[in-house]
Amino acid sequence: MVKNLRVYCSNNKYKVKKIRIHKLVTNLRKELNFSISSLPINFISSGEITIINKKYLNHNYSTDIITFNYSGSMDNLDGEIFICYEDAKNNSRKFKNSLPEEIFRLVIHGILHLLGYNDIKAKEYKIMKRQENQLLNKNKFLLFN
């Protein structure tokens, strides 16, 4: 188990294998060379993420992930990740992958944001997406453990 990592689900109907998330983050820590001061990963509803999106980002809609970096540190993470379970489920159907794979992709995406990656400009998006895909491919084996 990763120290200072917490995985929360706001609804007990959400099928999230917390141990797999811990194993994924452990591998990412080793691969990307970071430590964790505090990192809650929250699986929430589209209604809950819409409220957060509106309050903090001034967007009145659901989104698959929102990441907050509380320290600004790129090697000792102190942040929070919110993942919309329903959006992840819809994305898994849309992109024809499994829900656990989509959840892994979102966790990786959130951690990359905490490490300073951005996806607003096209060039940054390509760099981040390439790293996300590489990390997902390296860690897919965890989906079956």
N, C-alpha and C. Protein backbone atom coordinates (compact mmCIF):
# COMPACT_ATOMS: atom_id res chain seq x y z
N MET A 1 0.84 -1.18 0.00
CA MET A 1 0.00 0.00 0.00
C MET A 1 0.89 1.25 0.00
N VAL A 2 0.46 2.24 -0.75
CA VAL A 2 1.21 3.47 -0.86
C VAL A 2 0.85 4.37 0.33
N LYS A 3 1.87 4.77 1.06
CA LYS A 3 1.67 5.67 2.19
C LYS A 3 1.16 7.01 1.67
N ASN A 4 0.20 7.59 2.36
CA ASN A 4 -0.38 8.91 2.06
C ASN A 4 -1.24 8.93 0.81
N LEU A 5 -1.60 7.76 0.29
CA LEU A 5 -2.54 7.66 -0.83
C LEU A 5 -3.84 7.10 -0.27
N ARG A 6 -4.94 7.77 -0.57
CA ARG A 6 -6.25 7.30 -0.14
C ARG A 6 -7.16 7.24 -1.36
N VAL A 7 -7.91 6.16 -1.47
CA VAL A 7 -8.86 5.99 -2.57
C VAL A 7 -10.25 5.95 -1.96
N TYR A 8 -11.10 6.90 -2.37
CA TYR A 8 -12.45 7.02 -1.85
C TYR A 8 -13.48 6.85 -2.96
N CYS A 9 -14.60 6.25 -2.62
CA CYS A 9 -15.73 6.16 -3.55
C CYS A 9 -16.94 6.75 -2.86
N SER A 10 -17.57 7.73 -3.49
CA SER A 10 -18.74 8.38 -2.88
C SER A 10 -19.98 7.50 -2.96
N ASN A 11 -19.92 6.43 -3.73
CA ASN A 11 -21.07 5.54 -3.89
C ASN A 11 -20.56 4.10 -3.85
N ASN A 12 -21.17 3.29 -3.00
CA ASN A 12 -20.67 1.91 -2.89
C ASN A 12 -21.01 1.05 -4.11
N LYS A 13 -21.74 1.60 -5.08
CA LYS A 13 -22.02 0.89 -6.33
C LYS A 13 -20.86 0.99 -7.31
N TYR A 14 -19.93 1.91 -7.04
CA TYR A 14 -18.78 2.09 -7.94
C TYR A 14 -17.83 0.92 -7.75
N LYS A 15 -17.54 0.24 -8.84
CA LYS A 15 -16.67 -0.93 -8.77
C LYS A 15 -15.23 -0.52 -9.05
N VAL A 16 -14.55 -0.14 -8.00
CA VAL A 16 -13.16 0.29 -8.10
C VAL A 16 -12.33 -0.62 -7.21
N LYS A 17 -11.37 -1.30 -7.82
CA LYS A 17 -10.49 -2.17 -7.04
C LYS A 17 -9.35 -1.31 -6.48
N LYS A 18 -9.51 -0.93 -5.23
CA LYS A 18 -8.57 0.01 -4.60
C LYS A 18 -7.15 -0.53 -4.59
N ILE A 19 -6.99 -1.81 -4.39
CA ILE A 19 -5.64 -2.39 -4.35
C ILE A 19 -4.94 -2.21 -5.69
N ARG A 20 -5.69 -2.30 -6.79
CA ARG A 20 -5.09 -2.09 -8.12
C ARG A 20 -4.63 -0.64 -8.28
N ILE A 21 -5.40 0.29 -7.75
CA ILE A 21 -5.01 1.71 -7.81
C ILE A 21 -3.72 1.90 -7.03
N HIS A 22 -3.63 1.30 -5.86
CA HIS A 22 -2.40 1.39 -5.05
C HIS A 22 -1.21 0.79 -5.79
N LYS A 23 -1.40 -0.36 -6.42
CA LYS A 23 -0.30 -0.98 -7.18
C LYS A 23 0.12 -0.11 -8.35
N LEU A 24 -0.86 0.46 -9.05
CA LEU A 24 -0.55 1.35 -10.17
C LEU A 24 0.26 2.55 -9.70
N VAL A 25 -0.18 3.20 -8.64
CA VAL A 25 0.52 4.39 -8.14
C VAL A 25 1.92 4.01 -7.64
N THR A 26 2.06 2.84 -7.04
CA THR A 26 3.39 2.37 -6.61
C THR A 26 4.32 2.28 -7.82
N ASN A 27 3.84 1.68 -8.90
CA ASN A 27 4.66 1.58 -10.11
C ASN A 27 4.97 2.94 -10.72
N LEU A 28 3.99 3.83 -10.72
CA LEU A 28 4.21 5.18 -11.26
C LEU A 28 5.25 5.94 -10.44
N ARG A 29 5.19 5.77 -9.10
CA ARG A 29 6.18 6.43 -8.22
C ARG A 29 7.59 5.99 -8.58
N LYS A 30 7.76 4.70 -8.80
CA LYS A 30 9.09 4.18 -9.15
C LYS A 30 9.52 4.68 -10.53
N GLU A 31 8.62 4.61 -11.49
CA GLU A 31 8.92 4.97 -12.87
C GLU A 31 9.20 6.47 -13.03
N LEU A 32 8.40 7.29 -12.36
CA LEU A 32 8.48 8.74 -12.54
C LEU A 32 9.24 9.45 -11.42
N ASN A 33 9.66 8.69 -10.42
CA ASN A 33 10.51 9.20 -9.35
C ASN A 33 9.88 10.37 -8.59
N PHE A 34 8.76 10.07 -7.93
CA PHE A 34 8.14 11.07 -7.07
C PHE A 34 7.74 10.42 -5.76
N SER A 35 7.49 11.25 -4.75
CA SER A 35 6.96 10.77 -3.48
C SER A 35 5.59 11.43 -3.28
N ILE A 36 4.90 10.97 -2.26
CA ILE A 36 3.55 11.48 -2.02
C ILE A 36 3.46 12.01 -0.59
N SER A 37 3.15 13.28 -0.50
CA SER A 37 2.88 13.89 0.80
C SER A 37 1.43 13.58 1.18
N SER A 38 0.51 13.81 0.24
CA SER A 38 -0.90 13.50 0.42
C SER A 38 -1.56 13.42 -0.95
N LEU A 39 -2.31 12.34 -1.19
CA LEU A 39 -2.97 12.20 -2.47
C LEU A 39 -4.26 11.39 -2.34
N PRO A 40 -5.38 12.06 -2.07
CA PRO A 40 -6.66 11.38 -2.15
C PRO A 40 -7.10 11.26 -3.61
N ILE A 41 -7.58 10.09 -4.00
CA ILE A 41 -8.18 9.88 -5.31
C ILE A 41 -9.64 9.55 -5.05
N ASN A 42 -10.52 10.45 -5.51
CA ASN A 42 -11.94 10.38 -5.21
C ASN A 42 -12.74 9.98 -6.44
N PHE A 43 -13.53 8.92 -6.33
CA PHE A 43 -14.42 8.50 -7.40
C PHE A 43 -15.81 9.01 -7.03
N ILE A 44 -16.32 9.92 -7.86
CA ILE A 44 -17.55 10.62 -7.52
C ILE A 44 -18.52 10.61 -8.70
N SER A 45 -19.73 11.10 -8.46
CA SER A 45 -20.78 11.12 -9.49
C SER A 45 -20.63 12.32 -10.42
N SER A 46 -21.37 12.29 -11.51
CA SER A 46 -21.33 13.42 -12.45
C SER A 46 -21.89 14.68 -11.80
N GLY A 47 -22.89 14.52 -10.94
CA GLY A 47 -23.42 15.69 -10.23
C GLY A 47 -22.38 16.31 -9.32
N GLU A 48 -21.64 15.46 -8.60
CA GLU A 48 -20.61 15.98 -7.68
C GLU A 48 -19.48 16.66 -8.44
N ILE A 49 -19.04 16.07 -9.55
CA ILE A 49 -17.92 16.68 -10.28
C ILE A 49 -18.37 17.95 -11.00
N THR A 50 -19.63 18.02 -11.38
CA THR A 50 -20.16 19.24 -12.00
C THR A 50 -20.10 20.39 -10.99
N ILE A 51 -20.45 20.13 -9.75
CA ILE A 51 -20.38 21.16 -8.70
C ILE A 51 -18.95 21.65 -8.52
N ILE A 52 -17.99 20.72 -8.46
CA ILE A 52 -16.57 21.09 -8.31
C ILE A 52 -16.10 21.87 -9.53
N ASN A 53 -16.47 21.40 -10.71
CA ASN A 53 -16.07 22.04 -11.96
C ASN A 53 -16.60 23.48 -12.03
N LYS A 54 -17.83 23.66 -11.61
CA LYS A 54 -18.43 25.00 -11.63
C LYS A 54 -17.78 25.91 -10.58
N LYS A 55 -17.61 25.39 -9.38
CA LYS A 55 -17.08 26.19 -8.27
C LYS A 55 -15.64 26.63 -8.50
N TYR A 56 -14.79 25.71 -8.97
CA TYR A 56 -13.36 26.01 -9.06
C TYR A 56 -12.86 26.35 -10.46
N LEU A 57 -13.55 25.88 -11.49
CA LEU A 57 -13.08 26.10 -12.86
C LEU A 57 -14.07 26.89 -13.71
N ASN A 58 -15.20 27.23 -13.11
CA ASN A 58 -16.22 28.03 -13.79
C ASN A 58 -16.78 27.35 -15.05
N HIS A 59 -16.86 26.00 -15.02
CA HIS A 59 -17.45 25.22 -16.11
C HIS A 59 -18.66 24.51 -15.55
N ASN A 60 -19.80 24.68 -16.18
CA ASN A 60 -21.03 24.10 -15.66
C ASN A 60 -21.38 22.80 -16.39
N TYR A 61 -20.49 21.79 -16.25
CA TYR A 61 -20.74 20.49 -16.87
C TYR A 61 -19.89 19.43 -16.17
N SER A 62 -20.26 18.19 -16.42
CA SER A 62 -19.51 17.07 -15.89
C SER A 62 -18.23 16.89 -16.72
N THR A 63 -17.23 16.32 -16.11
CA THR A 63 -15.98 16.01 -16.80
C THR A 63 -15.42 14.74 -16.18
N ASP A 64 -14.53 14.08 -16.89
CA ASP A 64 -14.04 12.79 -16.39
C ASP A 64 -13.05 12.92 -15.23
N ILE A 65 -12.27 14.02 -15.20
CA ILE A 65 -11.26 14.16 -14.15
C ILE A 65 -10.97 15.63 -13.88
N ILE A 66 -10.75 15.92 -12.60
CA ILE A 66 -10.26 17.23 -12.15
C ILE A 66 -9.14 16.95 -11.17
N THR A 67 -8.04 17.65 -11.35
CA THR A 67 -6.87 17.46 -10.50
C THR A 67 -6.49 18.80 -9.85
N PHE A 68 -6.23 18.77 -8.56
CA PHE A 68 -5.77 19.95 -7.84
C PHE A 68 -4.38 19.68 -7.28
N ASN A 69 -3.45 20.57 -7.54
CA ASN A 69 -2.10 20.49 -6.97
C ASN A 69 -2.03 21.53 -5.87
N TYR A 70 -1.93 21.09 -4.62
CA TYR A 70 -1.95 22.00 -3.49
C TYR A 70 -0.58 22.57 -3.14
N SER A 71 0.48 21.90 -3.55
CA SER A 71 1.82 22.36 -3.16
C SER A 71 2.58 22.99 -4.32
N GLY A 72 2.27 22.57 -5.53
CA GLY A 72 3.05 23.03 -6.68
C GLY A 72 4.34 22.24 -6.85
N SER A 73 4.65 21.35 -5.93
CA SER A 73 5.85 20.52 -6.01
C SER A 73 5.67 19.49 -7.11
N MET A 74 6.74 19.25 -7.86
CA MET A 74 6.67 18.27 -8.95
C MET A 74 7.31 16.93 -8.58
N ASP A 75 7.81 16.82 -7.35
CA ASP A 75 8.42 15.55 -6.97
C ASP A 75 7.91 15.00 -5.64
N ASN A 76 7.23 15.82 -4.85
CA ASN A 76 6.59 15.38 -3.62
C ASN A 76 5.13 15.82 -3.70
N LEU A 77 4.29 14.94 -4.19
CA LEU A 77 2.93 15.30 -4.55
C LEU A 77 2.05 15.55 -3.33
N ASP A 78 1.38 16.68 -3.37
CA ASP A 78 0.36 17.05 -2.40
C ASP A 78 -0.80 17.59 -3.22
N GLY A 79 -1.73 16.72 -3.53
CA GLY A 79 -2.82 17.12 -4.39
C GLY A 79 -4.03 16.25 -4.18
N GLU A 80 -4.98 16.40 -5.09
CA GLU A 80 -6.21 15.63 -4.99
C GLU A 80 -6.73 15.40 -6.41
N ILE A 81 -7.22 14.19 -6.64
CA ILE A 81 -7.75 13.82 -7.93
C ILE A 81 -9.22 13.43 -7.75
N PHE A 82 -10.08 14.00 -8.59
CA PHE A 82 -11.49 13.66 -8.61
C PHE A 82 -11.79 13.02 -9.96
N ILE A 83 -12.31 11.81 -9.93
CA ILE A 83 -12.64 11.08 -11.15
C ILE A 83 -14.14 10.81 -11.14
N CYS A 84 -14.80 11.20 -12.22
CA CYS A 84 -16.23 10.94 -12.35
C CYS A 84 -16.43 9.51 -12.85
N TYR A 85 -17.00 8.68 -12.01
CA TYR A 85 -17.17 7.27 -12.35
C TYR A 85 -18.06 7.10 -13.58
N GLU A 86 -19.17 7.86 -13.64
CA GLU A 86 -20.08 7.74 -14.78
C GLU A 86 -19.40 8.16 -16.09
N ASP A 87 -18.63 9.26 -16.06
CA ASP A 87 -17.92 9.69 -17.26
C ASP A 87 -16.86 8.66 -17.67
N ALA A 88 -16.19 8.08 -16.69
CA ALA A 88 -15.22 7.03 -17.00
C ALA A 88 -15.91 5.85 -17.68
N LYS A 89 -17.06 5.49 -17.16
CA LYS A 89 -17.83 4.37 -17.74
C LYS A 89 -18.26 4.70 -19.17
N ASN A 90 -18.75 5.91 -19.39
CA ASN A 90 -19.15 6.34 -20.74
C ASN A 90 -17.95 6.38 -21.69
N ASN A 91 -16.82 6.88 -21.20
CA ASN A 91 -15.61 6.93 -22.03
C ASN A 91 -15.12 5.54 -22.40
N SER A 92 -15.24 4.59 -21.47
CA SER A 92 -14.79 3.22 -21.77
C SER A 92 -15.61 2.64 -22.92
N ARG A 93 -16.90 2.94 -22.94
CA ARG A 93 -17.75 2.48 -24.05
C ARG A 93 -17.38 3.20 -25.34
N LYS A 94 -17.24 4.52 -25.23
CA LYS A 94 -16.95 5.36 -26.40
C LYS A 94 -15.63 4.96 -27.06
N PHE A 95 -14.61 4.70 -26.27
CA PHE A 95 -13.28 4.39 -26.79
C PHE A 95 -13.02 2.89 -26.87
N LYS A 96 -14.06 2.09 -26.56
CA LYS A 96 -14.00 0.63 -26.68
C LYS A 96 -12.85 0.00 -25.88
N ASN A 97 -12.77 0.40 -24.61
CA ASN A 97 -11.84 -0.26 -23.70
C ASN A 97 -12.60 -0.62 -22.43
N SER A 98 -11.96 -1.33 -21.54
CA SER A 98 -12.64 -1.75 -20.32
C SER A 98 -12.71 -0.58 -19.34
N LEU A 99 -13.66 -0.65 -18.42
CA LEU A 99 -13.78 0.38 -17.38
C LEU A 99 -12.53 0.43 -16.50
N PRO A 100 -12.00 -0.72 -16.06
CA PRO A 100 -10.76 -0.64 -15.26
C PRO A 100 -9.60 0.02 -16.02
N GLU A 101 -9.50 -0.24 -17.32
CA GLU A 101 -8.44 0.39 -18.12
C GLU A 101 -8.66 1.90 -18.18
N GLU A 102 -9.89 2.33 -18.35
CA GLU A 102 -10.20 3.76 -18.39
C GLU A 102 -9.89 4.42 -17.05
N ILE A 103 -10.20 3.74 -15.97
CA ILE A 103 -9.88 4.27 -14.64
C ILE A 103 -8.37 4.41 -14.48
N PHE A 104 -7.61 3.40 -14.91
CA PHE A 104 -6.14 3.49 -14.88
C PHE A 104 -5.67 4.70 -15.68
N ARG A 105 -6.22 4.87 -16.87
CA ARG A 105 -5.83 6.00 -17.72
C ARG A 105 -6.07 7.32 -17.00
N LEU A 106 -7.20 7.44 -16.33
CA LEU A 106 -7.51 8.69 -15.64
C LEU A 106 -6.60 8.92 -14.43
N VAL A 107 -6.29 7.87 -13.69
CA VAL A 107 -5.35 8.02 -12.56
C VAL A 107 -3.99 8.47 -13.08
N ILE A 108 -3.52 7.85 -14.15
CA ILE A 108 -2.24 8.23 -14.76
C ILE A 108 -2.31 9.69 -15.21
N HIS A 109 -3.41 10.06 -15.85
CA HIS A 109 -3.59 11.42 -16.35
C HIS A 109 -3.50 12.43 -15.19
N GLY A 110 -4.19 12.13 -14.10
CA GLY A 110 -4.17 13.02 -12.94
C GLY A 110 -2.78 13.16 -12.34
N ILE A 111 -2.07 12.06 -12.24
CA ILE A 111 -0.71 12.12 -11.69
C ILE A 111 0.21 12.90 -12.61
N LEU A 112 0.06 12.72 -13.91
CA LEU A 112 0.88 13.50 -14.85
C LEU A 112 0.60 15.00 -14.68
N HIS A 113 -0.65 15.37 -14.46
CA HIS A 113 -0.95 16.79 -14.19
C HIS A 113 -0.21 17.26 -12.94
N LEU A 114 -0.23 16.44 -11.90
CA LEU A 114 0.45 16.81 -10.65
C LEU A 114 1.96 16.94 -10.85
N LEU A 115 2.48 16.23 -11.84
CA LEU A 115 3.92 16.28 -12.14
C LEU A 115 4.27 17.40 -13.12
N GLY A 116 3.27 18.22 -13.48
CA GLY A 116 3.54 19.38 -14.31
C GLY A 116 3.17 19.26 -15.77
N TYR A 117 2.63 18.13 -16.18
CA TYR A 117 2.20 17.98 -17.56
C TYR A 117 0.90 18.76 -17.78
N ASN A 118 0.75 19.31 -18.98
CA ASN A 118 -0.47 20.03 -19.35
C ASN A 118 -1.01 19.47 -20.65
N ASP A 119 -2.29 19.73 -20.88
CA ASP A 119 -2.91 19.22 -22.11
C ASP A 119 -3.80 20.27 -22.78
N ILE A 120 -3.49 21.54 -22.55
CA ILE A 120 -4.31 22.60 -23.15
C ILE A 120 -3.85 22.90 -24.58
N LYS A 121 -2.58 23.14 -24.76
CA LYS A 121 -2.04 23.40 -26.10
C LYS A 121 -1.80 22.07 -26.82
N ALA A 122 -1.95 22.09 -28.13
CA ALA A 122 -1.84 20.86 -28.93
C ALA A 122 -0.51 20.15 -28.71
N LYS A 123 0.58 20.88 -28.69
CA LYS A 123 1.90 20.27 -28.51
C LYS A 123 2.02 19.61 -27.14
N GLU A 124 1.53 20.30 -26.09
CA GLU A 124 1.57 19.74 -24.73
C GLU A 124 0.67 18.51 -24.64
N TYR A 125 -0.48 18.59 -25.30
CA TYR A 125 -1.42 17.47 -25.30
C TYR A 125 -0.77 16.22 -25.88
N LYS A 126 -0.08 16.37 -27.00
CA LYS A 126 0.59 15.23 -27.64
C LYS A 126 1.64 14.61 -26.72
N ILE A 127 2.43 15.45 -26.07
CA ILE A 127 3.46 14.96 -25.15
C ILE A 127 2.83 14.21 -23.99
N MET A 128 1.79 14.80 -23.40
CA MET A 128 1.13 14.19 -22.26
C MET A 128 0.44 12.88 -22.67
N LYS A 129 -0.23 12.89 -23.80
CA LYS A 129 -0.95 11.70 -24.27
C LYS A 129 0.02 10.56 -24.56
N ARG A 130 1.17 10.88 -25.14
CA ARG A 130 2.17 9.85 -25.42
C ARG A 130 2.66 9.22 -24.10
N GLN A 131 2.95 10.05 -23.11
CA GLN A 131 3.41 9.55 -21.81
C GLN A 131 2.30 8.73 -21.14
N GLU A 132 1.09 9.20 -21.21
CA GLU A 132 -0.06 8.49 -20.64
C GLU A 132 -0.20 7.10 -21.27
N ASN A 133 -0.12 7.03 -22.58
CA ASN A 133 -0.24 5.75 -23.29
C ASN A 133 0.89 4.80 -22.93
N GLN A 134 2.12 5.31 -22.85
CA GLN A 134 3.26 4.47 -22.48
C GLN A 134 3.08 3.90 -21.08
N LEU A 135 2.68 4.75 -20.13
CA LEU A 135 2.51 4.29 -18.76
C LEU A 135 1.35 3.30 -18.63
N LEU A 136 0.29 3.55 -19.37
CA LEU A 136 -0.84 2.61 -19.35
C LEU A 136 -0.41 1.25 -19.90
N ASN A 137 0.30 1.26 -21.02
CA ASN A 137 0.75 -0.01 -21.61
C ASN A 137 1.69 -0.77 -20.69
N LYS A 138 2.57 -0.05 -19.99
CA LYS A 138 3.50 -0.71 -19.06
C LYS A 138 2.79 -1.31 -17.85
N ASN A 139 1.62 -0.77 -17.51
CA ASN A 139 0.95 -1.18 -16.28
C ASN A 139 -0.35 -1.95 -16.50
N LYS A 140 -0.65 -2.27 -17.73
CA LYS A 140 -1.89 -3.02 -18.03
C LYS A 140 -1.95 -4.37 -17.32
N PHE A 141 -0.79 -4.97 -17.11
CA PHE A 141 -0.75 -6.28 -16.46
C PHE A 141 -1.43 -6.23 -15.08
N LEU A 142 -1.45 -5.06 -14.43
CA LEU A 142 -2.08 -4.94 -13.12
C LEU A 142 -3.59 -5.12 -13.18
N LEU A 143 -4.15 -4.93 -14.35
CA LEU A 143 -5.60 -5.09 -14.51
C LEU A 143 -6.03 -6.53 -14.32
N PHE A 144 -5.08 -7.45 -14.44
CA PHE A 144 -5.41 -8.87 -14.38
C PHE A 144 -4.89 -9.53 -13.11
N ASN A 145 -4.31 -8.75 -12.22
CA ASN A 145 -3.77 -9.29 -10.95
C ASN A 145 -4.74 -9.08 -9.83
